[in-house]
PDB file of N, CA and C in Angstrom:
ATOM      1  N   MET A   1       0.841  -1.178   0.000  1.00  0.00           N
ATOM      2  CA  MET A   1       0.000   0.000   0.000  1.00  0.00           C
ATOM      3  C   MET A   1       0.881   1.233   0.000  1.00  0.00           C
ATOM      4  N   THR A   2       0.563   2.223  -0.850  1.00  0.00           N
ATOM      5  CA  THR A   2       1.376   3.427  -0.953  1.00  0.00           C
ATOM      6  C   THR A   2       0.843   4.493  -0.005  1.00  0.00           C
ATOM      7  N   ASN A   3       1.410   4.542   1.193  1.00  0.00           N
ATOM      8  CA  ASN A   3       0.935   5.516   2.171  1.00  0.00           C
ATOM      9  C   ASN A   3       2.002   6.532   2.564  1.00  0.00           C
ATOM     10  N   HIS A   4       3.244   6.318   2.195  1.00  0.00           N
ATOM     11  CA  HIS A   4       4.314   7.256   2.519  1.00  0.00           C
ATOM     12  C   HIS A   4       4.577   8.139   1.310  1.00  0.00           C
ATOM     13  N   LYS A   5       4.530   9.470   1.512  1.00  0.00           N
ATOM     14  CA  LYS A   5       4.800  10.400   0.416  1.00  0.00           C
ATOM     15  C   LYS A   5       6.251  10.834   0.464  1.00  0.00           C
ATOM     16  N   ILE A   6       6.889  10.824  -0.717  1.00  0.00           N
ATOM     17  CA  ILE A   6       8.264  11.302  -0.829  1.00  0.00           C
ATOM     18  C   ILE A   6       8.365  12.207  -2.052  1.00  0.00           C
ATOM     19  N   SER A   7       9.433  12.973  -2.102  1.00  0.00           N
ATOM     20  CA  SER A   7       9.646  13.862  -3.245  1.00  0.00           C
ATOM     21  C   SER A   7      10.280  13.087  -4.399  1.00  0.00           C
ATOM     22  N   VAL A   8      10.307  13.708  -5.558  1.00  0.00           N
ATOM     23  CA  VAL A   8      10.932  13.094  -6.728  1.00  0.00           C
ATOM     24  C   VAL A   8      12.403  12.837  -6.451  1.00  0.00           C
ATOM     25  N   SER A   9      13.088  13.810  -5.859  1.00  0.00           N
ATOM     26  CA  SER A   9      14.521  13.636  -5.586  1.00  0.00           C
ATOM     27  C   SER A   9      14.769  12.506  -4.589  1.00  0.00           C
ATOM     28  N   GLU A  10      13.889  12.359  -3.591  1.00  0.00           N
ATOM     29  CA  GLU A  10      14.032  11.249  -2.636  1.00  0.00           C
ATOM     30  C   GLU A  10      13.820   9.905  -3.336  1.00  0.00           C
ATOM     31  N   ALA A  11      12.838   9.856  -4.241  1.00  0.00           N
ATOM     32  CA  ALA A  11      12.578   8.618  -4.982  1.00  0.00           C
ATOM     33  C   ALA A  11      13.775   8.259  -5.858  1.00  0.00           C
ATOM     34  N   LEU A  12      14.352   9.257  -6.524  1.00  0.00           N
ATOM     35  CA  LEU A  12      15.520   9.005  -7.374  1.00  0.00           C
ATOM     36  C   LEU A  12      16.706   8.514  -6.548  1.00  0.00           C
ATOM     37  N   GLN A  13      16.897   9.101  -5.370  1.00  0.00           N
ATOM     38  CA  GLN A  13      17.992   8.665  -4.494  1.00  0.00           C
ATOM     39  C   GLN A  13      17.792   7.213  -4.069  1.00  0.00           C
ATOM     40  N   LYS A  14      16.558   6.876  -3.702  1.00  0.00           N
ATOM     41  CA  LYS A  14      16.267   5.506  -3.280  1.00  0.00           C
ATOM     42  C   LYS A  14      16.508   4.524  -4.430  1.00  0.00           C
ATOM     43  N   LEU A  15      16.057   4.883  -5.623  1.00  0.00           N
ATOM     44  CA  LEU A  15      16.247   4.010  -6.783  1.00  0.00           C
ATOM     45  C   LEU A  15      17.726   3.843  -7.118  1.00  0.00           C
ATOM     46  N   GLU A  16      18.488   4.931  -7.042  1.00  0.00           N
ATOM     47  CA  GLU A  16      19.924   4.858  -7.344  1.00  0.00           C
ATOM     48  C   GLU A  16      20.674   3.994  -6.337  1.00  0.00           C
ATOM     49  N   SER A  17      20.174   3.952  -5.102  1.00  0.00           N
ATOM     50  CA  SER A  17      20.839   3.127  -4.086  1.00  0.00           C
ATOM     51  C   SER A  17      20.293   1.696  -4.069  1.00  0.00           C
ATOM     52  N   GLY A  18      19.369   1.390  -4.999  1.00  0.00           N
ATOM     53  CA  GLY A  18      18.864   0.028  -5.117  1.00  0.00           C
ATOM     54  C   GLY A  18      17.653  -0.273  -4.254  1.00  0.00           C
ATOM     55  N   GLU A  19      17.109   0.731  -3.585  1.00  0.00           N
ATOM     56  CA  GLU A  19      15.932   0.522  -2.728  1.00  0.00           C
ATOM     57  C   GLU A  19      14.654   0.476  -3.567  1.00  0.00           C
ATOM     58  N   SER A  20      13.664  -0.194  -3.062  1.00  0.00           N
ATOM     59  CA  SER A  20      12.357  -0.241  -3.702  1.00  0.00           C
ATOM     60  C   SER A  20      11.564   1.005  -3.319  1.00  0.00           C
ATOM     61  N   VAL A  21      10.761   1.485  -4.250  1.00  0.00           N
ATOM     62  CA  VAL A  21       9.904   2.631  -3.953  1.00  0.00           C
ATOM     63  C   VAL A  21       8.427   2.239  -4.048  1.00  0.00           C
ATOM     64  N   SER A  22       8.159   0.934  -3.990  1.00  0.00           N
ATOM     65  CA  SER A  22       6.788   0.454  -4.155  1.00  0.00           C
ATOM     66  C   SER A  22       5.870   0.851  -2.999  1.00  0.00           C
ATOM     67  N   ASN A  23       6.419   1.137  -1.829  1.00  0.00           N
ATOM     68  CA  ASN A  23       5.591   1.530  -0.686  1.00  0.00           C
ATOM     69  C   ASN A  23       5.474   3.038  -0.539  1.00  0.00           C
ATOM     70  N   TYR A  24       5.854   3.769  -1.574  1.00  0.00           N
ATOM     71  CA  TYR A  24       5.828   5.228  -1.523  1.00  0.00           C
ATOM     72  C   TYR A  24       4.955   5.776  -2.644  1.00  0.00           C
ATOM     73  N   SER A  25       4.503   6.996  -2.439  1.00  0.00           N
ATOM     74  CA  SER A  25       3.794   7.711  -3.501  1.00  0.00           C
ATOM     75  C   SER A  25       4.413   9.096  -3.624  1.00  0.00           C
ATOM     76  N   ILE A  26       4.274   9.672  -4.803  1.00  0.00           N
ATOM     77  CA  ILE A  26       4.845  10.990  -5.060  1.00  0.00           C
ATOM     78  C   ILE A  26       3.716  11.935  -5.416  1.00  0.00           C
ATOM     79  N   ASP A  27       3.735  13.109  -4.803  1.00  0.00           N
ATOM     80  CA  ASP A  27       2.765  14.147  -5.111  1.00  0.00           C
ATOM     81  C   ASP A  27       3.334  14.969  -6.264  1.00  0.00           C
ATOM     82  N   PHE A  28       2.737  14.860  -7.442  1.00  0.00           N
ATOM     83  CA  PHE A  28       3.247  15.542  -8.619  1.00  0.00           C
ATOM     84  C   PHE A  28       2.626  16.920  -8.831  1.00  0.00           C
ATOM     85  N   ASN A  29       1.839  17.398  -7.871  1.00  0.00           N
ATOM     86  CA  ASN A  29       1.236  18.724  -8.002  1.00  0.00           C
ATOM     87  C   ASN A  29       2.314  19.801  -7.940  1.00  0.00           C
ATOM     88  N   ARG A  30       2.230  20.766  -8.841  1.00  0.00           N
ATOM     89  CA  ARG A  30       3.091  21.957  -8.868  1.00  0.00           C
ATOM     90  C   ARG A  30       4.570  21.651  -9.101  1.00  0.00           C
ATOM     91  N   ILE A  31       4.899  20.545  -9.757  1.00  0.00           N
ATOM     92  CA  ILE A  31       6.303  20.272 -10.078  1.00  0.00           C
ATOM     93  C   ILE A  31       6.415  19.821 -11.527  1.00  0.00           C
ATOM     94  N   LYS A  32       7.610  19.932 -12.065  1.00  0.00           N
ATOM     95  CA  LYS A  32       7.929  19.408 -13.390  1.00  0.00           C
ATOM     96  C   LYS A  32       9.067  18.412 -13.218  1.00  0.00           C
ATOM     97  N   VAL A  33       9.033  17.321 -13.952  1.00  0.00           N
ATOM     98  CA  VAL A  33      10.044  16.274 -13.854  1.00  0.00           C
ATOM     99  C   VAL A  33      10.737  16.159 -15.211  1.00  0.00           C
ATOM    100  N   GLU A  34      12.062  16.219 -15.201  1.00  0.00           N
ATOM    101  CA  GLU A  34      12.818  16.116 -16.449  1.00  0.00           C
ATOM    102  C   GLU A  34      12.656  14.723 -17.053  1.00  0.00           C
ATOM    103  N   ALA A  35      12.696  14.670 -18.373  1.00  0.00           N
ATOM    104  CA  ALA A  35      12.442  13.426 -19.103  1.00  0.00           C
ATOM    105  C   ALA A  35      13.377  12.294 -18.679  1.00  0.00           C
ATOM    106  N   LEU A  36      14.652  12.588 -18.456  1.00  0.00           N
ATOM    107  CA  LEU A  36      15.585  11.532 -18.042  1.00  0.00           C
ATOM    108  C   LEU A  36      15.223  10.973 -16.669  1.00  0.00           C
ATOM    109  N   ASP A  37      14.750  11.841 -15.773  1.00  0.00           N
ATOM    110  CA  ASP A  37      14.320  11.374 -14.454  1.00  0.00           C
ATOM    111  C   ASP A  37      13.044  10.543 -14.557  1.00  0.00           C
ATOM    112  N   VAL A  38      12.187  10.898 -15.511  1.00  0.00           N
ATOM    113  CA  VAL A  38      10.952  10.128 -15.729  1.00  0.00           C
ATOM    114  C   VAL A  38      11.292   8.689 -16.100  1.00  0.00           C
ATOM    115  N   MET A  39      12.317   8.522 -16.941  1.00  0.00           N
ATOM    116  CA  MET A  39      12.710   7.162 -17.330  1.00  0.00           C
ATOM    117  C   MET A  39      13.197   6.372 -16.117  1.00  0.00           C
ATOM    118  N   LYS A  40      13.958   7.020 -15.245  1.00  0.00           N
ATOM    119  CA  LYS A  40      14.451   6.340 -14.039  1.00  0.00           C
ATOM    120  C   LYS A  40      13.286   5.965 -13.126  1.00  0.00           C
ATOM    121  N   LEU A  41      12.352   6.893 -12.958  1.00  0.00           N
ATOM    122  CA  LEU A  41      11.195   6.628 -12.096  1.00  0.00           C
ATOM    123  C   LEU A  41      10.331   5.506 -12.676  1.00  0.00           C
ATOM    124  N   SER A  42      10.129   5.538 -13.983  1.00  0.00           N
ATOM    125  CA  SER A  42       9.318   4.507 -14.638  1.00  0.00           C
ATOM    126  C   SER A  42       9.947   3.134 -14.478  1.00  0.00           C
ATOM    127  N   LYS A  43      11.261   3.085 -14.590  1.00  0.00           N
ATOM    128  CA  LYS A  43      11.967   1.818 -14.411  1.00  0.00           C
ATOM    129  C   LYS A  43      11.753   1.282 -12.998  1.00  0.00           C
ATOM    130  N   GLY A  44      11.574   2.192 -12.033  1.00  0.00           N
ATOM    131  CA  GLY A  44      11.337   1.797 -10.652  1.00  0.00           C
ATOM    132  C   GLY A  44       9.874   1.539 -10.337  1.00  0.00           C
ATOM    133  N   GLY A  45       9.013   1.614 -11.358  1.00  0.00           N
ATOM    134  CA  GLY A  45       7.606   1.299 -11.165  1.00  0.00           C
ATOM    135  C   GLY A  45       6.720   2.483 -10.843  1.00  0.00           C
ATOM    136  N   ILE A  46       7.238   3.692 -10.949  1.00  0.00           N
ATOM    137  CA  ILE A  46       6.443   4.886 -10.655  1.00  0.00           C
ATOM    138  C   ILE A  46       5.911   5.459 -11.960  1.00  0.00           C
ATOM    139  N   VAL A  47       4.603   5.641 -12.027  1.00  0.00           N
ATOM    140  CA  VAL A  47       3.975   6.222 -13.205  1.00  0.00           C
ATOM    141  C   VAL A  47       3.960   7.737 -13.041  1.00  0.00           C
ATOM    142  N   VAL A  48       4.569   8.427 -13.998  1.00  0.00           N
ATOM    143  CA  VAL A  48       4.641   9.886 -13.955  1.00  0.00           C
ATOM    144  C   VAL A  48       3.600  10.442 -14.924  1.00  0.00           C
ATOM    145  N   PRO A  49       2.697  11.308 -14.444  1.00  0.00           N
ATOM    146  CA  PRO A  49       1.692  11.886 -15.336  1.00  0.00           C
ATOM    147  C   PRO A  49       2.359  12.685 -16.459  1.00  0.00           C
ATOM    148  N   GLU A  50       1.848  12.527 -17.668  1.00  0.00           N
ATOM    149  CA  GLU A  50       2.449  13.190 -18.826  1.00  0.00           C
ATOM    150  C   GLU A  50       2.491  14.708 -18.675  1.00  0.00           C
ATOM    151  N   ALA A  51       1.508  15.281 -17.988  1.00  0.00           N
ATOM    152  CA  ALA A  51       1.430  16.735 -17.842  1.00  0.00           C
ATOM    153  C   ALA A  51       2.594  17.326 -17.047  1.00  0.00           C
ATOM    154  N   VAL A  52       3.275  16.525 -16.244  1.00  0.00           N
ATOM    155  CA  VAL A  52       4.374  17.069 -15.426  1.00  0.00           C
ATOM    156  C   VAL A  52       5.749  16.795 -16.028  1.00  0.00           C
ATOM    157  N   ILE A  53       5.794  16.142 -17.192  1.00  0.00           N
ATOM    158  CA  ILE A  53       7.086  15.827 -17.807  1.00  0.00           C
ATOM    159  C   ILE A  53       7.618  17.060 -18.523  1.00  0.00           C
ATOM    160  N   TYR A  54       8.885  17.404 -18.225  1.00  0.00           N
ATOM    161  CA  TYR A  54       9.533  18.576 -18.810  1.00  0.00           C
ATOM    162  C   TYR A  54      10.553  18.128 -19.847  1.00  0.00           C
ATOM    163  N   TYR A  55      10.419  18.652 -21.061  1.00  0.00           N
ATOM    164  CA  TYR A  55      11.379  18.384 -22.125  1.00  0.00           C
ATOM    165  C   TYR A  55      12.079  19.691 -22.463  1.00  0.00           C
ATOM    166  N   GLY A  56      13.357  19.788 -22.167  1.00  0.00           N
ATOM    167  CA  GLY A  56      14.123  20.984 -22.514  1.00  0.00           C
ATOM    168  C   GLY A  56      14.711  20.826 -23.902  1.00  0.00           C
ATOM    169  N   ASP A  57      14.329  21.695 -24.836  1.00  0.00           N
ATOM    170  CA  ASP A  57      14.837  21.599 -26.202  1.00  0.00           C
ATOM    171  C   ASP A  57      16.358  21.652 -26.254  1.00  0.00           C
ATOM    172  N   ASP A  58      16.975  22.390 -25.344  1.00  0.00           N
ATOM    173  CA  ASP A  58      18.437  22.491 -25.324  1.00  0.00           C
ATOM    174  C   ASP A  58      19.093  21.186 -24.889  1.00  0.00           C
ATOM    175  N   ASP A  59      18.339  20.324 -24.218  1.00  0.00           N
ATOM    176  CA  ASP A  59      18.885  19.055 -23.730  1.00  0.00           C
ATOM    177  C   ASP A  59      18.812  17.938 -24.771  1.00  0.00           C
ATOM    178  N   ILE A  60      18.127  18.203 -25.881  1.00  0.00           N
ATOM    179  CA  ILE A  60      17.970  17.182 -26.908  1.00  0.00           C
ATOM    180  C   ILE A  60      19.243  17.132 -27.743  1.00  0.00           C
ATOM    181  N   VAL A  61      19.836  15.957 -27.831  1.00  0.00           N
ATOM    182  CA  VAL A  61      21.102  15.772 -28.537  1.00  0.00           C
ATOM    183  C   VAL A  61      20.816  15.289 -29.952  1.00  0.00           C
ATOM    184  N   TYR A  62      21.488  15.896 -30.916  1.00  0.00           N
ATOM    185  CA  TYR A  62      21.350  15.490 -32.316  1.00  0.00           C
ATOM    186  C   TYR A  62      21.929  14.094 -32.505  1.00  0.00           C
ATOM    187  N   ASP A  63      21.219  13.253 -33.223  1.00  0.00           N
ATOM    188  CA  ASP A  63      21.698  11.909 -33.523  1.00  0.00           C
ATOM    189  C   ASP A  63      21.350  11.610 -34.972  1.00  0.00           C
ATOM    190  N   GLU A  64      22.375  11.484 -35.811  1.00  0.00           N
ATOM    191  CA  GLU A  64      22.138  11.289 -37.241  1.00  0.00           C
ATOM    192  C   GLU A  64      21.356  10.016 -37.547  1.00  0.00           C
ATOM    193  N   ASP A  65      21.390   9.040 -36.647  1.00  0.00           N
ATOM    194  CA  ASP A  65      20.630   7.807 -36.867  1.00  0.00           C
ATOM    195  C   ASP A  65      19.125   8.048 -36.846  1.00  0.00           C
ATOM    196  N   PHE A  66      18.688   9.141 -36.214  1.00  0.00           N
ATOM    197  CA  PHE A  66      17.264   9.420 -36.109  1.00  0.00           C
ATOM    198  C   PHE A  66      16.807  10.472 -37.112  1.00  0.00           C
ATOM    199  N   GLU A  67      17.710  11.002 -37.907  1.00  0.00           N
ATOM    200  CA  GLU A  67      17.364  11.993 -38.914  1.00  0.00           C
ATOM    201  C   GLU A  67      16.961  11.292 -40.200  1.00  0.00           C
ATOM    202  N   GLY A  68      16.357  12.034 -41.094  1.00  0.00           N
ATOM    203  CA  GLY A  68      15.990  11.476 -42.391  1.00  0.00           C
ATOM    204  C   GLY A  68      14.602  10.871 -42.371  1.00  0.00           C
ATOM    205  N   ASP A  69      14.296  10.194 -43.458  1.00  0.00           N
ATOM    206  CA  ASP A  69      12.976   9.590 -43.610  1.00  0.00           C
ATOM    207  C   ASP A  69      12.930   8.231 -42.924  1.00  0.00           C
ATOM    208  N   TRP A  70      11.856   8.010 -42.205  1.00  0.00           N
ATOM    209  CA  TRP A  70      11.652   6.724 -41.539  1.00  0.00           C
ATOM    210  C   TRP A  70      10.729   5.888 -42.419  1.00  0.00           C
ATOM    211  N   VAL A  71      11.043   4.631 -42.537  1.00  0.00           N
ATOM    212  CA  VAL A  71      10.233   3.719 -43.331  1.00  0.00           C
ATOM    213  C   VAL A  71       9.842   2.540 -42.456  1.00  0.00           C
ATOM    214  N   ARG A  72       8.548   2.259 -42.404  1.00  0.00           N
ATOM    215  CA  ARG A  72       8.076   1.118 -41.625  1.00  0.00           C
ATOM    216  C   ARG A  72       8.409  -0.165 -42.379  1.00  0.00           C
ATOM    217  N   VAL A  73       8.996  -1.085 -41.667  1.00  0.00           N
ATOM    218  CA  VAL A  73       9.337  -2.375 -42.248  1.00  0.00           C
ATOM    219  C   VAL A  73       8.500  -3.433 -41.552  1.00  0.00           C
ATOM    220  N   ASN A  74       7.650  -4.066 -42.319  1.00  0.00           N
ATOM    221  CA  ASN A  74       6.807  -5.119 -41.755  1.00  0.00           C
ATOM    222  C   ASN A  74       7.528  -6.453 -41.885  1.00  0.00           C
ATOM    223  N   ALA A  75       7.806  -7.058 -40.762  1.00  0.00           N
ATOM    224  CA  ALA A  75       8.468  -8.362 -40.763  1.00  0.00           C
ATOM    225  C   ALA A  75       7.417  -9.450 -40.939  1.00  0.00           C
ATOM    226  N   PRO A  76       7.763 -10.490 -41.669  1.00  0.00           N
ATOM    227  CA  PRO A  76       6.814 -11.603 -41.809  1.00  0.00           C
ATOM    228  C   PRO A  76       6.459 -12.194 -40.442  1.00  0.00           C
ATOM    229  N   ALA A  77       5.279 -12.769 -40.356  1.00  0.00           N
ATOM    230  CA  ALA A  77       4.808 -13.324 -39.082  1.00  0.00           C
ATOM    231  C   ALA A  77       5.685 -14.468 -38.594  1.00  0.00           C
ATOM    232  N   ASN A  78       6.371 -15.147 -39.509  1.00  0.00           N
ATOM    233  CA  ASN A  78       7.185 -16.298 -39.114  1.00  0.00           C
ATOM    234  C   ASN A  78       8.659 -15.918 -38.912  1.00  0.00           C
ATOM    235  N   SER A  79       8.923 -14.664 -38.557  1.00  0.00           N
ATOM    236  CA  SER A  79      10.306 -14.232 -38.313  1.00  0.00           C
ATOM    237  C   SER A  79      10.404 -13.586 -36.939  1.00  0.00           C
ATOM    238  N   LYS A  80      11.636 -13.477 -36.460  1.00  0.00           N
ATOM    239  CA  LYS A  80      11.853 -12.801 -35.188  1.00  0.00           C
ATOM    240  C   LYS A  80      13.156 -12.020 -35.270  1.00  0.00           C
ATOM    241  N   GLN A  81      13.261 -10.991 -34.450  1.00  0.00           N
ATOM    242  CA  GLN A  81      14.449 -10.147 -34.445  1.00  0.00           C
ATOM    243  C   GLN A  81      15.464 -10.708 -33.460  1.00  0.00           C
ATOM    244  N   THR A  82      16.719 -10.762 -33.882  1.00  0.00           N
ATOM    245  CA  THR A  82      17.801 -11.245 -33.041  1.00  0.00           C
ATOM    246  C   THR A  82      18.897 -10.195 -33.012  1.00  0.00           C
ATOM    247  N   GLU A  83      19.449  -9.940 -31.846  1.00  0.00           N
ATOM    248  CA  GLU A  83      20.536  -8.969 -31.719  1.00  0.00           C
ATOM    249  C   GLU A  83      21.860  -9.718 -31.664  1.00  0.00           C
ATOM    250  N   VAL A  84      22.821  -9.250 -32.461  1.00  0.00           N
ATOM    251  CA  VAL A  84      24.133  -9.880 -32.535  1.00  0.00           C
ATOM    252  C   VAL A  84      25.198  -8.824 -32.270  1.00  0.00           C
ATOM    253  N   LYS A  85      26.190  -9.174 -31.465  1.00  0.00           N
ATOM    254  CA  LYS A  85      27.322  -8.276 -31.229  1.00  0.00           C
ATOM    255  C   LYS A  85      28.552  -8.914 -31.849  1.00  0.00           C
ATOM    256  N   ILE A  86      29.274  -8.129 -32.666  1.00  0.00           N
ATOM    257  CA  ILE A  86      30.465  -8.654 -33.319  1.00  0.00           C
ATOM    258  C   ILE A  86      31.633  -7.701 -33.102  1.00  0.00           C
ATOM    259  N   ILE A  87      32.821  -8.236 -33.176  1.00  0.00           N
ATOM    260  CA  ILE A  87      34.037  -7.438 -33.065  1.00  0.00           C
ATOM    261  C   ILE A  87      34.683  -7.404 -34.442  1.00  0.00           C
ATOM    262  N   LEU A  88      34.944  -6.191 -34.936  1.00  0.00           N
ATOM    263  CA  LEU A  88      35.543  -6.029 -36.251  1.00  0.00           C
ATOM    264  C   LEU A  88      36.983  -5.568 -36.122  1.00  0.00           C
ATOM    265  N   GLN A  89      37.837  -6.076 -36.997  1.00  0.00           N
ATOM    266  CA  GLN A  89      39.199  -5.573 -37.063  1.00  0.00           C
ATOM    267  C   GLN A  89      39.149  -4.134 -37.571  1.00  0.00           C
ATOM    268  N   ASP A  90      40.155  -3.348 -37.234  1.00  0.00           N
ATOM    269  CA  ASP A  90      40.155  -1.925 -37.570  1.00  0.00           C
ATOM    270  C   ASP A  90      39.954  -1.661 -39.057  1.00  0.00           C
ATOM    271  N   ASP A  91      40.643  -2.415 -39.918  1.00  0.00           N
ATOM    272  CA  ASP A  91      40.523  -2.166 -41.355  1.00  0.00           C
ATOM    273  C   ASP A  91      39.112  -2.473 -41.865  1.00  0.00           C
ATOM    274  N   ILE A  92      38.492  -3.501 -41.317  1.00  0.00           N
ATOM    275  CA  ILE A  92      37.115  -3.829 -41.710  1.00  0.00           C
ATOM    276  C   ILE A  92      36.161  -2.758 -41.205  1.00  0.00           C
ATOM    277  N   SER A  93      36.361  -2.323 -39.980  1.00  0.00           N
ATOM    278  CA  SER A  93      35.524  -1.277 -39.401  1.00  0.00           C
ATOM    279  C   SER A  93      35.610   0.008 -40.227  1.00  0.00           C
ATOM    280  N   GLN A  94      36.818   0.362 -40.658  1.00  0.00           N
ATOM    281  CA  GLN A  94      36.992   1.556 -41.494  1.00  0.00           C
ATOM    282  C   GLN A  94      36.282   1.384 -42.835  1.00  0.00           C
ATOM    283  N   TRP A  95      36.371   0.182 -43.420  1.00  0.00           N
ATOM    284  CA  TRP A  95      35.687  -0.087 -44.679  1.00  0.00           C
ATOM    285  C   TRP A  95      34.173   0.054 -44.514  1.00  0.00           C
ATOM    286  N   VAL A  96      33.646  -0.499 -43.420  1.00  0.00           N
ATOM    287  CA  VAL A  96      32.204  -0.420 -43.149  1.00  0.00           C
ATOM    288  C   VAL A  96      31.772   1.035 -43.046  1.00  0.00           C
ATOM    289  N   GLU A  97      32.529   1.832 -42.297  1.00  0.00           N
ATOM    290  CA  GLU A  97      32.176   3.242 -42.116  1.00  0.00           C
ATOM    291  C   GLU A  97      32.306   4.031 -43.415  1.00  0.00           C
ATOM    292  N   SER A  98      33.418   3.859 -44.125  1.00  0.00           N
ATOM    293  CA  SER A  98      33.641   4.660 -45.333  1.00  0.00           C
ATOM    294  C   SER A  98      32.673   4.297 -46.455  1.00  0.00           C
ATOM    295  N   ASN A  99      32.169   3.072 -46.454  1.00  0.00           N
ATOM    296  CA  ASN A  99      31.219   2.643 -47.481  1.00  0.00           C
ATOM    297  C   ASN A  99      29.773   2.672 -47.010  1.00  0.00           C
ATOM    298  N   HIS A 100      29.551   3.162 -45.809  1.00  0.00           N
ATOM    299  CA  HIS A 100      28.195   3.282 -45.240  1.00  0.00           C
ATOM    300  C   HIS A 100      27.436   1.958 -45.308  1.00  0.00           C
ATOM    301  N   VAL A 101      28.130   0.894 -44.957  1.00  0.00           N
ATOM    302  CA  VAL A 101      27.530  -0.442 -44.976  1.00  0.00           C
ATOM    303  C   VAL A 101      26.605  -0.584 -43.772  1.00  0.00           C
ATOM    304  N   GLN A 102      25.382  -0.984 -44.016  1.00  0.00           N
ATOM    305  CA  GLN A 102      24.445  -1.243 -42.923  1.00  0.00           C
ATOM    306  C   GLN A 102      24.606  -2.706 -42.541  1.00  0.00           C
ATOM    307  N   LEU A 103      25.345  -2.922 -41.457  1.00  0.00           N
ATOM    308  CA  LEU A 103      25.696  -4.290 -41.070  1.00  0.00           C
ATOM    309  C   LEU A 103      24.484  -5.170 -40.816  1.00  0.00           C
ATOM    310  N   ASP A 104      23.438  -4.607 -40.224  1.00  0.00           N
ATOM    311  CA  ASP A 104      22.266  -5.436 -39.940  1.00  0.00           C
ATOM    312  C   ASP A 104      21.664  -5.987 -41.229  1.00  0.00           C
ATOM    313  N   HIS A 105      21.587  -5.156 -42.272  1.00  0.00           N
ATOM    314  CA  HIS A 105      21.038  -5.628 -43.545  1.00  0.00           C
ATOM    315  C   HIS A 105      21.989  -6.608 -44.216  1.00  0.00           C
ATOM    316  N   LEU A 106      23.291  -6.307 -44.178  1.00  0.00           N
ATOM    317  CA  LEU A 106      24.283  -7.187 -44.794  1.00  0.00           C
ATOM    318  C   LEU A 106      24.262  -8.577 -44.157  1.00  0.00           C
ATOM    319  N   ILE A 107      24.285  -8.618 -42.837  1.00  0.00           N
ATOM    320  CA  ILE A 107      24.300  -9.906 -42.136  1.00  0.00           C
ATOM    321  C   ILE A 107      23.012 -10.681 -42.399  1.00  0.00           C
ATOM    322  N   GLU A 108      21.888  -9.965 -42.415  1.00  0.00           N
ATOM    323  CA  GLU A 108      20.610 -10.625 -42.696  1.00  0.00           C
ATOM    324  C   GLU A 108      20.634 -11.277 -44.079  1.00  0.00           C
ATOM    325  N   LYS A 109      21.122 -10.547 -45.082  1.00  0.00           N
ATOM    326  CA  LYS A 109      21.177 -11.091 -46.448  1.00  0.00           C
ATOM    327  C   LYS A 109      22.179 -12.240 -46.548  1.00  0.00           C
ATOM    328  N   LEU A 110      23.352 -12.091 -45.916  1.00  0.00           N
ATOM    329  CA  LEU A 110      24.358 -13.157 -45.949  1.00  0.00           C
ATOM    330  C   LEU A 110      23.839 -14.439 -45.306  1.00  0.00           C
ATOM    331  N   LEU A 111      23.195 -14.320 -44.148  1.00  0.00           N
ATOM    332  CA  LEU A 111      22.651 -15.503 -43.473  1.00  0.00           C
ATOM    333  C   LEU A 111      21.556 -16.164 -44.301  1.00  0.00           C
ATOM    334  N   ASP A 112      20.698 -15.331 -44.888  1.00  0.00           N
ATOM    335  CA  ASP A 112      19.630 -15.871 -45.721  1.00  0.00           C
ATOM    336  C   ASP A 112      20.217 -16.639 -46.904  1.00  0.00           C
ATOM    337  N   GLY A 113      21.197 -16.045 -47.578  1.00  0.00           N
ATOM    338  CA  GLY A 113      21.836 -16.710 -48.711  1.00  0.00           C
ATOM    339  C   GLY A 113      22.557 -17.981 -48.300  1.00  0.00           C
ATOM    340  N   PHE A 114      23.260 -17.941 -47.182  1.00  0.00           N
ATOM    341  CA  PHE A 114      23.978 -19.114 -46.686  1.00  0.00           C
ATOM    342  C   PHE A 114      23.005 -20.245 -46.357  1.00  0.00           C
ATOM    343  N   TYR A 115      21.912 -19.903 -45.662  1.00  0.00           N
ATOM    344  CA  TYR A 115      20.900 -20.898 -45.300  1.00  0.00           C
ATOM    345  C   TYR A 115      20.308 -21.556 -46.542  1.00  0.00           C
ATOM    346  N   ARG A 116      19.935 -20.746 -47.520  1.00  0.00           N
ATOM    347  CA  ARG A 116      19.312 -21.288 -48.730  1.00  0.00           C
ATOM    348  C   ARG A 116      20.299 -22.153 -49.520  1.00  0.00           C
ATOM    349  N   ALA A 117      21.574 -21.748 -49.556  1.00  0.00           N
ATOM    350  CA  ALA A 117      22.592 -22.551 -50.250  1.00  0.00           C
ATOM    351  C   ALA A 117      22.786 -23.893 -49.547  1.00  0.00           C
ATOM    352  N   GLN A 118      22.856 -23.883 -48.222  1.00  0.00           N
ATOM    353  CA  GLN A 118      23.006 -25.126 -47.457  1.00  0.00           C
ATOM    354  C   GLN A 118      21.807 -26.044 -47.679  1.00  0.00           C
ATOM    355  N   LYS A 119      20.629 -25.454 -47.685  1.00  0.00           N
ATOM    356  CA  LYS A 119      19.400 -26.230 -47.876  1.00  0.00           C
ATOM    357  C   LYS A 119      19.384 -26.870 -49.267  1.00  0.00           C
ATOM    358  N   MET A 120      19.817 -26.113 -50.267  1.00  0.00           N
ATOM    359  CA  MET A 120      19.846 -26.625 -51.629  1.00  0.00           C
ATOM    360  C   MET A 120      20.882 -27.747 -51.772  1.00  0.00           C
ATOM    361  N   VAL A 121      22.036 -27.615 -51.142  1.00  0.00           N
ATOM    362  CA  VAL A 121      23.073 -28.647 -51.195  1.00  0.00           C
ATOM    363  C   VAL A 121      22.568 -29.931 -50.554  1.00  0.00           C
ATOM    364  N   ARG A 122      21.880 -29.817 -49.410  1.00  0.00           N
ATOM    365  CA  ARG A 122      21.346 -31.002 -48.724  1.00  0.00           C
ATOM    366  C   ARG A 122      20.303 -31.712 -49.574  1.00  0.00           C
ATOM    367  N   GLU A 123      19.459 -30.932 -50.249  1.00  0.00           N
ATOM    368  CA  GLU A 123      18.398 -31.528 -51.064  1.00  0.00           C
ATOM    369  C   GLU A 123      18.966 -32.278 -52.265  1.00  0.00           C
ATOM    370  N   LYS A 124      20.100 -31.800 -52.784  1.00  0.00           N
ATOM    371  CA  LYS A 124      20.714 -32.442 -53.950  1.00  0.00           C
ATOM    372  C   LYS A 124      21.592 -33.615 -53.561  1.00  0.00           C
ATOM    373  N   SER A 125      21.885 -33.765 -52.292  1.00  0.00           N
ATOM    374  CA  SER A 125      22.752 -34.874 -51.842  1.00  0.00           C
ATOM    375  C   SER A 125      21.979 -36.152 -51.652  1.00  0.00           C
TER     376      SER A 125
END
């Protein structure tokens, strides 16, 4: 039961020290909460009303990955997304960057081609 009231800063301190804030409530009247703090509070299970979230335009960092046109890609129902981490040698990494190679697309196509080639070889054997 949430019967103890604490401030946003107290909740953030408790979360940073690993404490649970499930037995506390926050009074959001007459305050604004920065977007980064909202993410921390949300991770700790505290729902922050949208009306009190503060977004400072000066705090928004430019990221070229989010610029440009966005295109929705519908994945087939029989597929799933997998995350892969790889280590590249310096010369390969430089080649990838200088040629603007999208590794996720390249690896997806290479795996698909490899799988289909293996499948075809097995069928002919």
